């Protein structure tokens, strides 16, 4: 993956996060085609021999099993929801070690938030029996949200190595000052810019456009312009309430983990944690 071919930089990470925004918006639009279909989230509602969980968990297990075989989860930006996945059948790739070794995985918390907070705001209530289609879109949405949230590790590493704030990060990490680290990580101006961009993107991507439609970016319904496939503020609200806070939790946990890792230098990491 080209993202890992060179040393981390915040501009490069932000470019990747901007590209992920598009994927997340389209994933939400795709899931919004179907009703909430909450039966797919209930453990044991659909009986599967040898599996004790929800239909969504079963589908994740099966799909992630295949993805694991083609080494998806050996990439440092991919994290599975399932456990006990098979080993890859492809030979391993060698990634530069830009992160301190860690096993931080927020997918369990993400799954809870997705089912209980995100699906109800993007999908109409009720049951339309499209269980397979809805669950397939859930898997796609969860995987891209997981990648975005765990990208917080790369953000934290790049910010940590920035000479301007490095000493302050080291001091806060050694003091295990979670609130102080959170404040230092937070850039309100960048977050506001992100939310404005998301609202504009969702407004454009979410419209049913035909040749007679007006300017969708104006936010006004015009002749020939259909109802939005998803309310344009839903994705920005989701980011503000869930995606950004979860990402920053990952960032804080990663930086606190560096205390145990014991490497506070600004240079690149090697595979054994030395310079």
C-alpha atoms as a PDB file:
ATOM      1  CA  UNK A   1       0.000   0.000   0.000  1.00  0.00           C
ATOM      2  CA  UNK A   2       1.504   3.304  -1.095  1.00  0.00           C
ATOM      3  CA  UNK A   3       0.497   5.063   2.111  1.00  0.00           C
ATOM      4  CA  UNK A   4       3.182   3.132   4.016  1.00  0.00           C
ATOM      5  CA  UNK A   5       5.969   3.598   1.482  1.00  0.00           C
ATOM      6  CA  UNK A   6       7.378   6.725   3.087  1.00  0.00           C
ATOM      7  CA  UNK A   7       7.663   8.448   6.441  1.00  0.00           C
ATOM      8  CA  UNK A   8       4.433   9.652   8.028  1.00  0.00           C
ATOM      9  CA  UNK A   9       3.396  13.264   7.651  1.00  0.00           C
ATOM     10  CA  UNK A  10       0.219  15.011   8.770  1.00  0.00           C
ATOM     11  CA  UNK A  11      -0.564  16.382   5.258  1.00  0.00           C
ATOM     12  CA  UNK A  12      -0.329  12.874   3.793  1.00  0.00           C
ATOM     13  CA  UNK A  13      -2.512  11.435   6.554  1.00  0.00           C
ATOM     14  CA  UNK A  14      -5.103  14.177   6.085  1.00  0.00           C
ATOM     15  CA  UNK A  15      -5.232  13.468   2.343  1.00  0.00           C
ATOM     16  CA  UNK A  16      -6.012   9.840   3.152  1.00  0.00           C
ATOM     17  CA  UNK A  17      -8.687  10.838   5.680  1.00  0.00           C
ATOM     18  CA  UNK A  18     -10.330  13.129   3.120  1.00  0.00           C
ATOM     19  CA  UNK A  19     -10.521  10.220   0.667  1.00  0.00           C
ATOM     20  CA  UNK A  20     -12.059   8.058   3.378  1.00  0.00           C
ATOM     21  CA  UNK A  21     -14.815  10.657   3.834  1.00  0.00           C
ATOM     22  CA  UNK A  22     -16.137   9.888   0.357  1.00  0.00           C
ATOM     23  CA  UNK A  23     -16.194   6.146   1.050  1.00  0.00           C
ATOM     24  CA  UNK A  24     -18.004   6.677   4.357  1.00  0.00           C
ATOM     25  CA  UNK A  25     -20.639   8.949   2.818  1.00  0.00           C
ATOM     26  CA  UNK A  26     -21.376   6.436   0.054  1.00  0.00           C
ATOM     27  CA  UNK A  27     -21.467   3.585   2.595  1.00  0.00           C
ATOM     28  CA  UNK A  28     -24.109   5.487   4.573  1.00  0.00           C
ATOM     29  CA  UNK A  29     -26.113   6.183   1.408  1.00  0.00           C
ATOM     30  CA  UNK A  30     -25.973   2.495   0.457  1.00  0.00           C
ATOM     31  CA  UNK A  31     -27.146   1.338   3.904  1.00  0.00           C
ATOM     32  CA  UNK A  32     -29.946   3.939   3.906  1.00  0.00           C
ATOM     33  CA  UNK A  33     -31.641   2.073   1.025  1.00  0.00           C
ATOM     34  CA  UNK A  34     -32.947  -0.458   3.524  1.00  0.00           C
ATOM     35  CA  UNK A  35     -34.935  -0.320   6.736  1.00  0.00           C
ATOM     36  CA  UNK A  36     -33.212  -0.751  10.078  1.00  0.00           C
ATOM     37  CA  UNK A  37     -33.992  -4.492  10.094  1.00  0.00           C
ATOM     38  CA  UNK A  38     -32.950  -4.853  13.722  1.00  0.00           C
ATOM     39  CA  UNK A  39     -33.413  -8.637  13.635  1.00  0.00           C
ATOM     40  CA  UNK A  40     -30.004  -8.944  11.985  1.00  0.00           C
ATOM     41  CA  UNK A  41     -28.426  -7.522  15.164  1.00  0.00           C
ATOM     42  CA  UNK A  42     -30.158  -9.905  17.606  1.00  0.00           C
ATOM     43  CA  UNK A  43     -28.105 -12.851  18.800  1.00  0.00           C
ATOM     44  CA  UNK A  44     -29.704 -16.156  17.887  1.00  0.00           C
ATOM     45  CA  UNK A  45     -32.581 -14.689  15.856  1.00  0.00           C
ATOM     46  CA  UNK A  46     -31.315 -16.486  12.753  1.00  0.00           C
ATOM     47  CA  UNK A  47     -30.065 -19.956  13.598  1.00  0.00           C
ATOM     48  CA  UNK A  48     -26.703 -20.937  12.129  1.00  0.00           C
ATOM     49  CA  UNK A  49     -25.222 -24.312  13.032  1.00  0.00           C
ATOM     50  CA  UNK A  50     -22.075 -23.936  15.095  1.00  0.00           C
ATOM     51  CA  UNK A  51     -22.411 -20.171  15.510  1.00  0.00           C
ATOM     52  CA  UNK A  52     -23.780 -18.342  18.539  1.00  0.00           C
ATOM     53  CA  UNK A  53     -24.231 -14.712  17.601  1.00  0.00           C
ATOM     54  CA  UNK A  54     -26.180 -12.289  15.473  1.00  0.00           C
ATOM     55  CA  UNK A  55     -26.612 -12.572  11.720  1.00  0.00           C
ATOM     56  CA  UNK A  56     -24.355  -9.521  11.269  1.00  0.00           C
ATOM     57  CA  UNK A  57     -21.653 -11.131  13.412  1.00  0.00           C
ATOM     58  CA  UNK A  58     -21.936 -14.323  11.381  1.00  0.00           C
ATOM     59  CA  UNK A  59     -21.585 -12.439   8.110  1.00  0.00           C
ATOM     60  CA  UNK A  60     -18.591 -10.498   9.461  1.00  0.00           C
ATOM     61  CA  UNK A  61     -16.945 -13.756  10.560  1.00  0.00           C
ATOM     62  CA  UNK A  62     -17.396 -15.310   7.127  1.00  0.00           C
ATOM     63  CA  UNK A  63     -16.314 -12.253   5.124  1.00  0.00           C
ATOM     64  CA  UNK A  64     -13.382 -11.418   7.381  1.00  0.00           C
ATOM     65  CA  UNK A  65     -12.265 -15.039   7.216  1.00  0.00           C
ATOM     66  CA  UNK A  66     -11.843 -14.733   3.458  1.00  0.00           C
ATOM     67  CA  UNK A  67     -10.202 -11.322   3.787  1.00  0.00           C
ATOM     68  CA  UNK A  68      -7.792 -12.691   6.397  1.00  0.00           C
ATOM     69  CA  UNK A  69      -6.669 -15.394   3.963  1.00  0.00           C
ATOM     70  CA  UNK A  70      -5.610 -12.699   1.484  1.00  0.00           C
ATOM     71  CA  UNK A  71      -3.695 -10.912   4.321  1.00  0.00           C
ATOM     72  CA  UNK A  72      -6.003  -7.907   4.728  1.00  0.00           C
ATOM     73  CA  UNK A  73      -5.424  -7.812   8.473  1.00  0.00           C
ATOM     74  CA  UNK A  74      -1.655  -7.884   8.216  1.00  0.00           C
ATOM     75  CA  UNK A  75      -1.876  -4.287   6.991  1.00  0.00           C
ATOM     76  CA  UNK A  76      -1.301  -1.812   9.854  1.00  0.00           C
ATOM     77  CA  UNK A  77      -4.453   0.166   9.003  1.00  0.00           C
ATOM     78  CA  UNK A  78      -6.909  -2.768   9.011  1.00  0.00           C
ATOM     79  CA  UNK A  79      -8.552  -4.277  12.113  1.00  0.00           C
ATOM     80  CA  UNK A  80     -11.047  -7.166  12.148  1.00  0.00           C
ATOM     81  CA  UNK A  81     -14.249  -7.364  14.161  1.00  0.00           C
ATOM     82  CA  UNK A  82     -14.006 -11.157  14.379  1.00  0.00           C
ATOM     83  CA  UNK A  83     -11.677 -13.376  16.368  1.00  0.00           C
ATOM     84  CA  UNK A  84      -9.843 -16.597  15.505  1.00  0.00           C
ATOM     85  CA  UNK A  85      -9.449 -15.765  11.830  1.00  0.00           C
ATOM     86  CA  UNK A  86      -7.453 -18.044   9.503  1.00  0.00           C
ATOM     87  CA  UNK A  87      -3.850 -17.344   8.595  1.00  0.00           C
ATOM     88  CA  UNK A  88      -3.077 -15.735   5.222  1.00  0.00           C
ATOM     89  CA  UNK A  89      -2.491 -18.006   2.262  1.00  0.00           C
ATOM     90  CA  UNK A  90      -0.429 -15.310   0.507  1.00  0.00           C
ATOM     91  CA  UNK A  91       3.185 -14.620   1.489  1.00  0.00           C
ATOM     92  CA  UNK A  92       3.586 -11.739   3.962  1.00  0.00           C
ATOM     93  CA  UNK A  93       4.323  -8.177   2.953  1.00  0.00           C
ATOM     94  CA  UNK A  94       6.961  -6.170   4.794  1.00  0.00           C
ATOM     95  CA  UNK A  95       5.596  -2.830   6.004  1.00  0.00           C
ATOM     96  CA  UNK A  96       7.848  -0.157   7.482  1.00  0.00           C
ATOM     97  CA  UNK A  97       7.166  -0.007  11.221  1.00  0.00           C
ATOM     98  CA  UNK A  98       5.860   3.522  11.594  1.00  0.00           C
ATOM     99  CA  UNK A  99       3.799   2.691  14.698  1.00  0.00           C
ATOM    100  CA  UNK A 100       4.831   1.359  18.076  1.00  0.00           C
ATOM    101  CA  UNK A 101       3.652  -2.277  18.392  1.00  0.00           C
ATOM    102  CA  UNK A 102       0.156  -2.342  19.877  1.00  0.00           C
ATOM    103  CA  UNK A 103      -3.083  -4.331  19.936  1.00  0.00           C
ATOM    104  CA  UNK A 104      -5.502  -1.407  20.324  1.00  0.00           C
ATOM    105  CA  UNK A 105      -8.795  -2.327  18.659  1.00  0.00           C
ATOM    106  CA  UNK A 106     -11.935  -0.218  19.109  1.00  0.00           C
ATOM    107  CA  UNK A 107     -14.200  -2.301  16.888  1.00  0.00           C
ATOM    108  CA  UNK A 108     -16.347  -3.658  19.720  1.00  0.00           C
ATOM    109  CA  UNK A 109     -17.199  -0.125  20.817  1.00  0.00           C
ATOM    110  CA  UNK A 110     -17.669   0.961  17.202  1.00  0.00           C
ATOM    111  CA  UNK A 111     -20.091  -1.925  16.583  1.00  0.00           C
ATOM    112  CA  UNK A 112     -22.209  -0.917  19.592  1.00  0.00           C
ATOM    113  CA  UNK A 113     -22.340   2.720  18.468  1.00  0.00           C
ATOM    114  CA  UNK A 114     -23.073   1.775  14.860  1.00  0.00           C
ATOM    115  CA  UNK A 115     -26.023  -0.477  15.720  1.00  0.00           C
ATOM    116  CA  UNK A 116     -27.535   1.681  18.449  1.00  0.00           C
ATOM    117  CA  UNK A 117     -26.784   5.214  17.283  1.00  0.00           C
ATOM    118  CA  UNK A 118     -25.844   5.341  13.604  1.00  0.00           C
ATOM    119  CA  UNK A 119     -28.243   2.897  11.927  1.00  0.00           C
ATOM    120  CA  UNK A 120     -31.318   4.543  13.559  1.00  0.00           C
ATOM    121  CA  UNK A 121     -30.416   7.966  12.122  1.00  0.00           C
ATOM    122  CA  UNK A 122     -29.612   6.850   8.564  1.00  0.00           C
ATOM    123  CA  UNK A 123     -32.288   4.177   8.050  1.00  0.00           C
ATOM    124  CA  UNK A 124     -36.032   4.326   8.204  1.00  0.00           C
ATOM    125  CA  UNK A 125     -37.498   2.324  11.094  1.00  0.00           C
ATOM    126  CA  UNK A 126     -39.086  -1.044  10.513  1.00  0.00           C
ATOM    127  CA  UNK A 127     -38.365  -4.297   8.748  1.00  0.00           C
ATOM    128  CA  UNK A 128     -38.346  -4.757   4.968  1.00  0.00           C
ATOM    129  CA  UNK A 129     -36.953  -8.345   5.073  1.00  0.00           C
ATOM    130  CA  UNK A 130     -33.840  -7.344   3.091  1.00  0.00           C
ATOM    131  CA  UNK A 131     -31.663  -8.917   5.748  1.00  0.00           C
ATOM    132  CA  UNK A 132     -28.809 -10.090   3.547  1.00  0.00           C
ATOM    133  CA  UNK A 133     -28.586  -6.826   1.621  1.00  0.00           C
ATOM    134  CA  UNK A 134     -28.772  -4.669   4.748  1.00  0.00           C
ATOM    135  CA  UNK A 135     -26.175  -6.748   6.610  1.00  0.00           C
ATOM    136  CA  UNK A 136     -23.829  -6.692   3.614  1.00  0.00           C
ATOM    137  CA  UNK A 137     -23.997  -2.889   3.595  1.00  0.00           C
ATOM    138  CA  UNK A 138     -23.446  -2.915   7.362  1.00  0.00           C
ATOM    139  CA  UNK A 139     -20.227  -4.876   6.870  1.00  0.00           C
ATOM    140  CA  UNK A 140     -18.987  -2.388   4.276  1.00  0.00           C
ATOM    141  CA  UNK A 141     -19.864   0.575   6.493  1.00  0.00           C
ATOM    142  CA  UNK A 142     -18.291  -0.941   9.601  1.00  0.00           C
ATOM    143  CA  UNK A 143     -15.065  -1.814   7.823  1.00  0.00           C
ATOM    144  CA  UNK A 144     -14.545   1.666   6.403  1.00  0.00           C
ATOM    145  CA  UNK A 145     -15.502   3.313   9.708  1.00  0.00           C
ATOM    146  CA  UNK A 146     -13.050   1.039  11.508  1.00  0.00           C
ATOM    147  CA  UNK A 147     -10.244   2.005   9.146  1.00  0.00           C
ATOM    148  CA  UNK A 148     -10.993   5.682   9.634  1.00  0.00           C
ATOM    149  CA  UNK A 149     -11.107   5.460  13.428  1.00  0.00           C
ATOM    150  CA  UNK A 150      -7.924   3.414  13.733  1.00  0.00           C
ATOM    151  CA  UNK A 151      -6.134   5.882  11.486  1.00  0.00           C
ATOM    152  CA  UNK A 152      -5.982   7.838  14.726  1.00  0.00           C
ATOM    153  CA  UNK A 153      -2.838   5.848  15.522  1.00  0.00           C
ATOM    154  CA  UNK A 154      -1.065   7.351  12.510  1.00  0.00           C
ATOM    155  CA  UNK A 155      -2.358  10.813  13.361  1.00  0.00           C
ATOM    156  CA  UNK A 156      -1.086  10.466  16.930  1.00  0.00           C
ATOM    157  CA  UNK A 157       2.311   9.175  15.808  1.00  0.00           C
ATOM    158  CA  UNK A 158       2.754  12.045  13.350  1.00  0.00           C
ATOM    159  CA  UNK A 159       1.718  14.652  15.927  1.00  0.00           C
ATOM    160  CA  UNK A 160       3.951  13.055  18.547  1.00  0.00           C
ATOM    161  CA  UNK A 161       6.966  13.279  16.246  1.00  0.00           C
ATOM    162  CA  UNK A 162       6.313  16.935  15.445  1.00  0.00           C
ATOM    163  CA  UNK A 163       9.230  18.691  17.129  1.00  0.00           C
ATOM    164  CA  UNK A 164       7.018  21.660  18.055  1.00  0.00           C
ATOM    165  CA  UNK A 165       4.921  19.688  20.579  1.00  0.00           C
ATOM    166  CA  UNK A 166       7.112  16.638  21.173  1.00  0.00           C
ATOM    167  CA  UNK A 167       8.363  17.554  24.643  1.00  0.00           C
ATOM    168  CA  UNK A 168       4.851  18.452  25.787  1.00  0.00           C
ATOM    169  CA  UNK A 169       3.522  15.108  24.555  1.00  0.00           C
ATOM    170  CA  UNK A 170       6.280  13.244  26.388  1.00  0.00           C
ATOM    171  CA  UNK A 171       5.489  15.098  29.619  1.00  0.00           C
ATOM    172  CA  UNK A 172       1.745  14.431  29.351  1.00  0.00           C
ATOM    173  CA  UNK A 173       2.244  10.770  28.446  1.00  0.00           C
ATOM    174  CA  UNK A 174       4.569  10.166  31.372  1.00  0.00           C
ATOM    175  CA  UNK A 175       2.001  11.793  33.671  1.00  0.00           C
ATOM    176  CA  UNK A 176      -0.743   9.664  32.057  1.00  0.00           C
ATOM    177  CA  UNK A 177      -2.727  12.873  31.676  1.00  0.00           C
ATOM    178  CA  UNK A 178      -5.510  11.740  29.345  1.00  0.00           C
ATOM    179  CA  UNK A 179      -7.327  15.069  29.362  1.00  0.00           C
ATOM    180  CA  UNK A 180      -4.120  16.981  28.680  1.00  0.00           C
ATOM    181  CA  UNK A 181      -3.226  14.689  25.774  1.00  0.00           C
ATOM    182  CA  UNK A 182      -6.751  15.042  24.373  1.00  0.00           C
ATOM    183  CA  UNK A 183      -6.524  18.831  24.493  1.00  0.00           C
ATOM    184  CA  UNK A 184      -3.113  18.868  22.828  1.00  0.00           C
ATOM    185  CA  UNK A 185      -4.335  16.526  20.074  1.00  0.00           C
ATOM    186  CA  UNK A 186      -7.471  18.571  19.380  1.00  0.00           C
ATOM    187  CA  UNK A 187      -7.481  21.167  16.629  1.00  0.00           C
ATOM    188  CA  UNK A 188     -10.930  22.780  16.652  1.00  0.00           C
ATOM    189  CA  UNK A 189     -10.327  24.744  13.452  1.00  0.00           C
ATOM    190  CA  UNK A 190      -9.471  21.555  11.533  1.00  0.00           C
ATOM    191  CA  UNK A 191     -12.525  19.771  12.952  1.00  0.00           C
ATOM    192  CA  UNK A 192     -14.862  22.614  11.969  1.00  0.00           C
ATOM    193  CA  UNK A 193     -13.417  22.653   8.464  1.00  0.00           C
ATOM    194  CA  UNK A 194     -13.932  18.886   8.231  1.00  0.00           C
ATOM    195  CA  UNK A 195     -17.585  19.132   9.290  1.00  0.00           C
ATOM    196  CA  UNK A 196     -18.289  21.911   6.769  1.00  0.00           C
ATOM    197  CA  UNK A 197     -16.682  19.842   4.015  1.00  0.00           C
ATOM    198  CA  UNK A 198     -18.732  16.775   4.985  1.00  0.00           C
ATOM    199  CA  UNK A 199     -21.999  18.713   4.818  1.00  0.00           C
ATOM    200  CA  UNK A 200     -21.160  19.984   1.331  1.00  0.00           C
ATOM    201  CA  UNK A 201     -20.115  16.541   0.114  1.00  0.00           C
ATOM    202  CA  UNK A 202     -23.173  14.809   1.569  1.00  0.00           C
ATOM    203  CA  UNK A 203     -25.435  17.427   0.010  1.00  0.00           C
ATOM    204  CA  UNK A 204     -23.957  16.807  -3.443  1.00  0.00           C
ATOM    205  CA  UNK A 205     -23.455  13.022  -3.229  1.00  0.00           C
ATOM    206  CA  UNK A 206     -26.834  12.428  -1.608  1.00  0.00           C
ATOM    207  CA  UNK A 207     -28.962  14.139  -4.247  1.00  0.00           C
ATOM    208  CA  UNK A 208     -30.837  12.405  -7.017  1.00  0.00           C
ATOM    209  CA  UNK A 209     -29.657  14.552  -9.919  1.00  0.00           C
ATOM    210  CA  UNK A 210     -31.140  14.751 -13.395  1.00  0.00           C
ATOM    211  CA  UNK A 211     -30.426  17.016 -16.358  1.00  0.00           C
ATOM    212  CA  UNK A 212     -32.959  19.626 -15.233  1.00  0.00           C
ATOM    213  CA  UNK A 213     -31.677  19.859 -11.656  1.00  0.00           C
ATOM    214  CA  UNK A 214     -30.327  23.108 -10.325  1.00  0.00           C
ATOM    215  CA  UNK A 215     -27.237  23.698  -8.264  1.00  0.00           C
ATOM    216  CA  UNK A 216     -27.265  21.066  -5.506  1.00  0.00           C
ATOM    217  CA  UNK A 217     -24.573  22.911  -3.559  1.00  0.00           C
ATOM    218  CA  UNK A 218     -27.004  25.757  -2.866  1.00  0.00           C
ATOM    219  CA  UNK A 219     -28.965  23.527  -0.513  1.00  0.00           C
ATOM    220  CA  UNK A 220     -32.239  24.517  -2.200  1.00  0.00           C
ATOM    221  CA  UNK A 221     -34.676  22.040  -3.689  1.00  0.00           C
ATOM    222  CA  UNK A 222     -35.069  22.860  -7.390  1.00  0.00           C
ATOM    223  CA  UNK A 223     -37.221  21.594 -10.225  1.00  0.00           C
ATOM    224  CA  UNK A 224     -36.033  18.176 -11.371  1.00  0.00           C
ATOM    225  CA  UNK A 225     -34.060  17.590  -8.182  1.00  0.00           C
ATOM    226  CA  UNK A 226     -35.289  14.593  -6.193  1.00  0.00           C
ATOM    227  CA  UNK A 227     -35.430  14.044  -2.484  1.00  0.00           C
ATOM    228  CA  UNK A 228     -31.995  13.472  -0.928  1.00  0.00           C
ATOM    229  CA  UNK A 229     -31.017   9.835  -0.496  1.00  0.00           C
ATOM    230  CA  UNK A 230     -29.705  10.778   2.938  1.00  0.00           C
ATOM    231  CA  UNK A 231     -30.118  14.046   4.906  1.00  0.00           C
ATOM    232  CA  UNK A 232     -27.013  16.102   4.207  1.00  0.00           C
ATOM    233  CA  UNK A 233     -26.319  16.816   7.883  1.00  0.00           C
ATOM    234  CA  UNK A 234     -26.465  13.178   9.027  1.00  0.00           C
ATOM    235  CA  UNK A 235     -22.886  12.279   8.109  1.00  0.00           C
ATOM    236  CA  UNK A 236     -21.434  15.445   9.636  1.00  0.00           C
ATOM    237  CA  UNK A 237     -23.429  14.856  12.828  1.00  0.00           C
ATOM    238  CA  UNK A 238     -22.206  11.252  12.913  1.00  0.00           C
ATOM    239  CA  UNK A 239     -18.616  12.439  12.609  1.00  0.00           C
ATOM    240  CA  UNK A 240     -19.053  15.086  15.286  1.00  0.00           C
ATOM    241  CA  UNK A 241     -20.768  12.790  17.815  1.00  0.00           C
ATOM    242  CA  UNK A 242     -19.036   9.479  17.162  1.00  0.00           C
ATOM    243  CA  UNK A 243     -16.277   9.288  14.542  1.00  0.00           C
ATOM    244  CA  UNK A 244     -14.113  12.170  15.749  1.00  0.00           C
ATOM    245  CA  UNK A 245     -14.438  11.294  19.473  1.00  0.00           C
ATOM    246  CA  UNK A 246     -13.654   7.610  18.809  1.00  0.00           C
ATOM    247  CA  UNK A 247     -10.665   8.543  16.655  1.00  0.00           C
ATOM    248  CA  UNK A 248      -9.309  10.765  19.409  1.00  0.00           C
ATOM    249  CA  UNK A 249      -9.827   7.999  21.976  1.00  0.00           C
ATOM    250  CA  UNK A 250      -7.684   5.760  19.785  1.00  0.00           C
ATOM    251  CA  UNK A 251      -5.067   8.526  19.543  1.00  0.00           C
ATOM    252  CA  UNK A 252      -4.911   8.941  23.329  1.00  0.00           C
ATOM    253  CA  UNK A 253      -4.748   5.184  23.960  1.00  0.00           C
ATOM    254  CA  UNK A 254      -1.984   4.826  21.406  1.00  0.00           C
ATOM    255  CA  UNK A 255       0.104   7.613  22.943  1.00  0.00           C
ATOM    256  CA  UNK A 256      -0.361   6.234  26.457  1.00  0.00           C
ATOM    257  CA  UNK A 257       0.761   2.866  25.100  1.00  0.00           C
ATOM    258  CA  UNK A 258       4.011   4.554  24.094  1.00  0.00           C
ATOM    259  CA  UNK A 259       4.836   4.924  27.784  1.00  0.00           C
ATOM    260  CA  UNK A 260       4.907   1.134  28.084  1.00  0.00           C
ATOM    261  CA  UNK A 261       6.752   0.872  24.781  1.00  0.00           C
ATOM    262  CA  UNK A 262       9.389   3.203  26.173  1.00  0.00           C
ATOM    263  CA  UNK A 263      10.413   4.963  22.954  1.00  0.00           C
ATOM    264  CA  UNK A 264      10.023   8.734  22.965  1.00  0.00           C
ATOM    265  CA  UNK A 265      12.343   9.610  20.132  1.00  0.00           C
ATOM    266  CA  UNK A 266      11.211  11.581  17.085  1.00  0.00           C
ATOM    267  CA  UNK A 267      12.980   9.443  14.488  1.00  0.00           C
ATOM    268  CA  UNK A 268      11.441   6.526  12.669  1.00  0.00           C
ATOM    269  CA  UNK A 269      10.834   3.220  14.394  1.00  0.00           C
ATOM    270  CA  UNK A 270      12.338  -0.036  13.239  1.00  0.00           C
ATOM    271  CA  UNK A 271      10.779  -3.450  13.735  1.00  0.00           C
ATOM    272  CA  UNK A 272      12.542  -4.033  17.051  1.00  0.00           C
ATOM    273  CA  UNK A 273      11.667  -0.592  18.387  1.00  0.00           C
ATOM    274  CA  UNK A 274      15.160   0.869  18.123  1.00  0.00           C
ATOM    275  CA  UNK A 275      16.371   3.841  16.077  1.00  0.00           C
END
